[in-house]
Amino acid sequence: MALERQQASKGYKVVTNTAATAKNFFGISVLADTVITTIVAPTAGSPDQVAYDGDEAGLAGPTVPPGYYPIRGSSITLASGSVILWTE
């Protein structure tokens, strides 16, 4: 996993439970095999004024293996596993 110095410049949030977690993030580090229930993508109100086209929905359901995923969002809910959200 290649991280740059600014990766954690605004902090991070570790998620290890199944509650919906609201946090604007620009990357996800999956720490253990994880199943994502829902992930809310950026909207036109995001800092870059860019909205995703729905591809993030493909992460919901299958088991996501450990690794870094440069995916932005504003909320995530896990069914199992644990992740670090890198704050945007």
N, C-alpha and C. Protein backbone atom coordinates (compact mmCIF):
# COMPACT_ATOMS: atom_id res chain seq x y z
N MET A 1 0.86 -1.17 0.00
CA MET A 1 0.00 0.00 0.00
C MET A 1 0.90 1.23 0.00
N ALA A 2 0.81 2.01 -1.04
CA ALA A 2 1.62 3.21 -1.16
C ALA A 2 0.81 4.43 -0.73
N LEU A 3 1.23 5.04 0.35
CA LEU A 3 0.55 6.23 0.83
C LEU A 3 1.49 7.42 0.69
N GLU A 4 0.91 8.56 0.44
CA GLU A 4 1.70 9.78 0.37
C GLU A 4 1.58 10.52 1.70
N ARG A 5 2.47 11.47 1.92
CA ARG A 5 2.52 12.20 3.17
C ARG A 5 1.20 12.85 3.52
N GLN A 6 0.47 13.37 2.54
CA GLN A 6 -0.79 14.05 2.82
C GLN A 6 -1.96 13.09 3.05
N GLN A 7 -1.72 11.80 2.92
CA GLN A 7 -2.81 10.83 3.04
C GLN A 7 -3.61 11.02 4.34
N ALA A 8 -2.96 11.19 5.46
CA ALA A 8 -3.67 11.33 6.73
C ALA A 8 -3.62 12.76 7.25
N SER A 9 -3.45 13.73 6.36
CA SER A 9 -3.30 15.11 6.81
C SER A 9 -4.54 15.65 7.51
N LYS A 10 -5.71 15.07 7.22
CA LYS A 10 -6.94 15.51 7.87
C LYS A 10 -7.48 14.46 8.82
N GLY A 11 -6.73 13.40 9.03
CA GLY A 11 -7.14 12.38 9.98
C GLY A 11 -7.75 11.16 9.34
N TYR A 12 -8.29 10.32 10.19
CA TYR A 12 -8.86 9.06 9.74
C TYR A 12 -9.90 8.59 10.73
N LYS A 13 -10.67 7.61 10.32
CA LYS A 13 -11.69 7.02 11.20
C LYS A 13 -11.62 5.52 11.02
N VAL A 14 -11.39 4.79 12.10
CA VAL A 14 -11.38 3.34 12.07
C VAL A 14 -12.81 2.86 12.30
N VAL A 15 -13.28 1.98 11.42
CA VAL A 15 -14.64 1.44 11.52
C VAL A 15 -14.53 -0.06 11.74
N THR A 16 -15.07 -0.51 12.88
CA THR A 16 -15.01 -1.94 13.21
C THR A 16 -16.39 -2.48 13.60
N ASN A 17 -17.44 -1.69 13.37
CA ASN A 17 -18.78 -2.12 13.78
C ASN A 17 -19.72 -2.09 12.58
N THR A 18 -20.98 -2.43 12.82
CA THR A 18 -21.96 -2.50 11.73
C THR A 18 -22.91 -1.30 11.70
N ALA A 19 -22.58 -0.26 12.45
CA ALA A 19 -23.40 0.96 12.43
C ALA A 19 -23.01 1.81 11.22
N ALA A 20 -23.97 2.55 10.69
CA ALA A 20 -23.66 3.48 9.60
C ALA A 20 -22.67 4.52 10.14
N THR A 21 -21.61 4.77 9.39
CA THR A 21 -20.58 5.72 9.80
C THR A 21 -20.51 6.84 8.79
N ALA A 22 -20.93 8.03 9.21
CA ALA A 22 -20.88 9.21 8.34
C ALA A 22 -19.53 9.88 8.49
N LYS A 23 -18.79 10.00 7.39
CA LYS A 23 -17.47 10.62 7.39
C LYS A 23 -17.09 10.85 5.93
N ASN A 24 -16.72 12.07 5.59
CA ASN A 24 -16.25 12.33 4.23
C ASN A 24 -14.85 11.74 4.10
N PHE A 25 -14.68 10.80 3.17
CA PHE A 25 -13.39 10.13 3.01
C PHE A 25 -13.00 10.06 1.54
N PHE A 26 -11.68 9.92 1.31
CA PHE A 26 -11.20 9.83 -0.06
C PHE A 26 -10.42 8.56 -0.31
N GLY A 27 -10.45 7.66 0.63
CA GLY A 27 -9.80 6.36 0.46
C GLY A 27 -10.18 5.45 1.60
N ILE A 28 -10.13 4.14 1.32
CA ILE A 28 -10.47 3.12 2.32
C ILE A 28 -9.33 2.13 2.39
N SER A 29 -8.82 1.90 3.60
CA SER A 29 -7.88 0.81 3.82
C SER A 29 -8.65 -0.30 4.50
N VAL A 30 -8.80 -1.41 3.79
CA VAL A 30 -9.49 -2.57 4.35
C VAL A 30 -8.47 -3.35 5.16
N LEU A 31 -8.75 -3.58 6.44
CA LEU A 31 -7.80 -4.21 7.36
C LEU A 31 -7.93 -5.72 7.40
N ALA A 32 -9.12 -6.23 7.16
CA ALA A 32 -9.41 -7.67 7.16
C ALA A 32 -10.52 -7.89 6.15
N ASP A 33 -10.71 -9.12 5.71
CA ASP A 33 -11.81 -9.38 4.79
C ASP A 33 -13.06 -8.68 5.30
N THR A 34 -13.69 -7.88 4.45
CA THR A 34 -14.78 -7.01 4.86
C THR A 34 -15.94 -7.12 3.89
N VAL A 35 -17.15 -7.10 4.43
CA VAL A 35 -18.35 -7.03 3.61
C VAL A 35 -18.99 -5.66 3.87
N ILE A 36 -19.13 -4.88 2.81
CA ILE A 36 -19.74 -3.55 2.89
C ILE A 36 -21.22 -3.69 2.57
N THR A 37 -22.06 -3.17 3.46
CA THR A 37 -23.50 -3.20 3.23
C THR A 37 -23.91 -2.05 2.32
N THR A 38 -23.49 -0.84 2.67
CA THR A 38 -23.77 0.34 1.85
C THR A 38 -22.58 1.29 1.88
N ILE A 39 -22.44 2.01 0.78
CA ILE A 39 -21.44 3.06 0.69
C ILE A 39 -22.10 4.20 -0.07
N VAL A 40 -22.03 5.39 0.50
CA VAL A 40 -22.64 6.57 -0.12
C VAL A 40 -21.54 7.34 -0.81
N ALA A 41 -21.71 7.55 -2.10
CA ALA A 41 -20.69 8.21 -2.92
C ALA A 41 -20.81 9.72 -2.82
N PRO A 42 -19.76 10.43 -3.28
CA PRO A 42 -19.81 11.89 -3.30
C PRO A 42 -20.95 12.37 -4.20
N THR A 43 -21.42 13.54 -3.90
CA THR A 43 -22.43 14.18 -4.75
C THR A 43 -21.80 15.41 -5.39
N ALA A 44 -22.56 16.14 -6.16
CA ALA A 44 -22.04 17.34 -6.80
C ALA A 44 -21.58 18.36 -5.76
N GLY A 45 -21.99 18.21 -4.50
CA GLY A 45 -21.57 19.11 -3.44
C GLY A 45 -20.22 18.75 -2.84
N SER A 46 -19.54 17.76 -3.41
CA SER A 46 -18.24 17.36 -2.88
C SER A 46 -17.20 18.44 -3.15
N PRO A 47 -16.06 18.39 -2.47
CA PRO A 47 -15.03 19.43 -2.66
C PRO A 47 -14.60 19.60 -4.11
N ASP A 48 -14.57 18.53 -4.89
CA ASP A 48 -14.16 18.62 -6.29
C ASP A 48 -15.33 18.87 -7.23
N GLN A 49 -16.54 19.00 -6.69
CA GLN A 49 -17.75 19.19 -7.49
C GLN A 49 -17.93 18.07 -8.51
N VAL A 50 -17.62 16.84 -8.08
CA VAL A 50 -17.71 15.68 -8.95
C VAL A 50 -18.60 14.65 -8.28
N ALA A 51 -19.48 14.03 -9.05
CA ALA A 51 -20.33 12.97 -8.54
C ALA A 51 -19.93 11.65 -9.19
N TYR A 52 -19.94 10.57 -8.43
CA TYR A 52 -19.68 9.25 -9.00
C TYR A 52 -20.90 8.82 -9.80
N ASP A 53 -20.72 7.83 -10.66
CA ASP A 53 -21.82 7.39 -11.52
C ASP A 53 -22.50 6.11 -11.04
N GLY A 54 -22.25 5.72 -9.80
CA GLY A 54 -22.91 4.54 -9.24
C GLY A 54 -22.03 3.31 -9.15
N ASP A 55 -20.79 3.41 -9.61
CA ASP A 55 -19.88 2.26 -9.56
C ASP A 55 -19.63 1.76 -8.14
N GLU A 56 -19.70 2.67 -7.18
CA GLU A 56 -19.42 2.27 -5.79
C GLU A 56 -20.39 1.21 -5.29
N ALA A 57 -21.57 1.12 -5.88
CA ALA A 57 -22.55 0.11 -5.47
C ALA A 57 -22.00 -1.30 -5.67
N GLY A 58 -21.04 -1.46 -6.57
CA GLY A 58 -20.44 -2.77 -6.81
C GLY A 58 -19.63 -3.29 -5.64
N LEU A 59 -19.26 -2.40 -4.71
CA LEU A 59 -18.52 -2.83 -3.52
C LEU A 59 -19.44 -3.41 -2.45
N ALA A 60 -20.72 -3.12 -2.54
CA ALA A 60 -21.67 -3.60 -1.53
C ALA A 60 -22.04 -5.04 -1.85
N GLY A 61 -21.79 -5.92 -0.88
CA GLY A 61 -22.18 -7.31 -1.03
C GLY A 61 -21.02 -8.29 -1.03
N PRO A 62 -20.12 -8.21 -2.02
CA PRO A 62 -19.02 -9.19 -2.04
C PRO A 62 -18.00 -8.91 -0.95
N THR A 63 -17.22 -9.94 -0.62
CA THR A 63 -16.14 -9.77 0.35
C THR A 63 -15.01 -9.00 -0.31
N VAL A 64 -14.60 -7.91 0.36
CA VAL A 64 -13.51 -7.07 -0.14
C VAL A 64 -12.25 -7.46 0.63
N PRO A 65 -11.19 -7.89 -0.08
CA PRO A 65 -9.97 -8.31 0.61
C PRO A 65 -9.17 -7.12 1.14
N PRO A 66 -8.25 -7.37 2.08
CA PRO A 66 -7.41 -6.30 2.60
C PRO A 66 -6.67 -5.57 1.49
N GLY A 67 -6.51 -4.27 1.68
CA GLY A 67 -5.80 -3.45 0.71
C GLY A 67 -6.30 -2.03 0.78
N TYR A 68 -5.70 -1.18 -0.05
CA TYR A 68 -6.11 0.22 -0.12
C TYR A 68 -6.96 0.43 -1.37
N TYR A 69 -8.08 1.14 -1.19
CA TYR A 69 -9.00 1.43 -2.29
C TYR A 69 -9.20 2.94 -2.35
N PRO A 70 -8.77 3.60 -3.43
CA PRO A 70 -8.88 5.06 -3.53
C PRO A 70 -10.29 5.47 -3.95
N ILE A 71 -11.24 5.21 -3.07
CA ILE A 71 -12.66 5.44 -3.35
C ILE A 71 -13.17 6.48 -2.37
N ARG A 72 -13.84 7.51 -2.91
CA ARG A 72 -14.38 8.57 -2.06
C ARG A 72 -15.78 8.23 -1.63
N GLY A 73 -16.20 8.81 -0.52
CA GLY A 73 -17.55 8.62 -0.03
C GLY A 73 -17.86 9.54 1.12
N SER A 74 -19.11 9.45 1.58
CA SER A 74 -19.53 10.27 2.71
C SER A 74 -20.11 9.42 3.84
N SER A 75 -20.32 8.14 3.58
CA SER A 75 -20.85 7.25 4.60
C SER A 75 -20.60 5.80 4.18
N ILE A 76 -20.39 4.94 5.18
CA ILE A 76 -20.19 3.53 4.91
C ILE A 76 -20.82 2.72 6.03
N THR A 77 -21.35 1.56 5.67
CA THR A 77 -21.89 0.62 6.65
C THR A 77 -21.31 -0.75 6.33
N LEU A 78 -20.76 -1.40 7.35
CA LEU A 78 -20.16 -2.73 7.17
C LEU A 78 -21.08 -3.80 7.70
N ALA A 79 -21.05 -4.97 7.08
CA ALA A 79 -21.72 -6.15 7.62
C ALA A 79 -20.72 -6.93 8.48
N SER A 80 -19.44 -6.86 8.10
CA SER A 80 -18.37 -7.51 8.85
C SER A 80 -17.04 -6.90 8.42
N GLY A 81 -16.01 -7.18 9.21
CA GLY A 81 -14.68 -6.70 8.88
C GLY A 81 -14.34 -5.37 9.53
N SER A 82 -13.29 -4.73 9.02
CA SER A 82 -12.85 -3.45 9.56
C SER A 82 -12.09 -2.67 8.49
N VAL A 83 -12.24 -1.35 8.56
CA VAL A 83 -11.61 -0.46 7.59
C VAL A 83 -11.11 0.81 8.26
N ILE A 84 -10.20 1.49 7.59
CA ILE A 84 -9.81 2.85 7.96
C ILE A 84 -10.32 3.75 6.84
N LEU A 85 -11.05 4.79 7.21
CA LEU A 85 -11.50 5.80 6.26
C LEU A 85 -10.53 6.97 6.36
N TRP A 86 -9.94 7.38 5.24
CA TRP A 86 -9.01 8.51 5.24
C TRP A 86 -9.80 9.77 4.99
N THR A 87 -9.81 10.66 5.97
CA THR A 87 -10.66 11.84 5.98
C THR A 87 -10.33 12.81 4.84
N GLU A 88 -11.40 13.26 4.20
CA GLU A 88 -11.26 14.22 3.11
C GLU A 88 -11.31 15.63 3.67
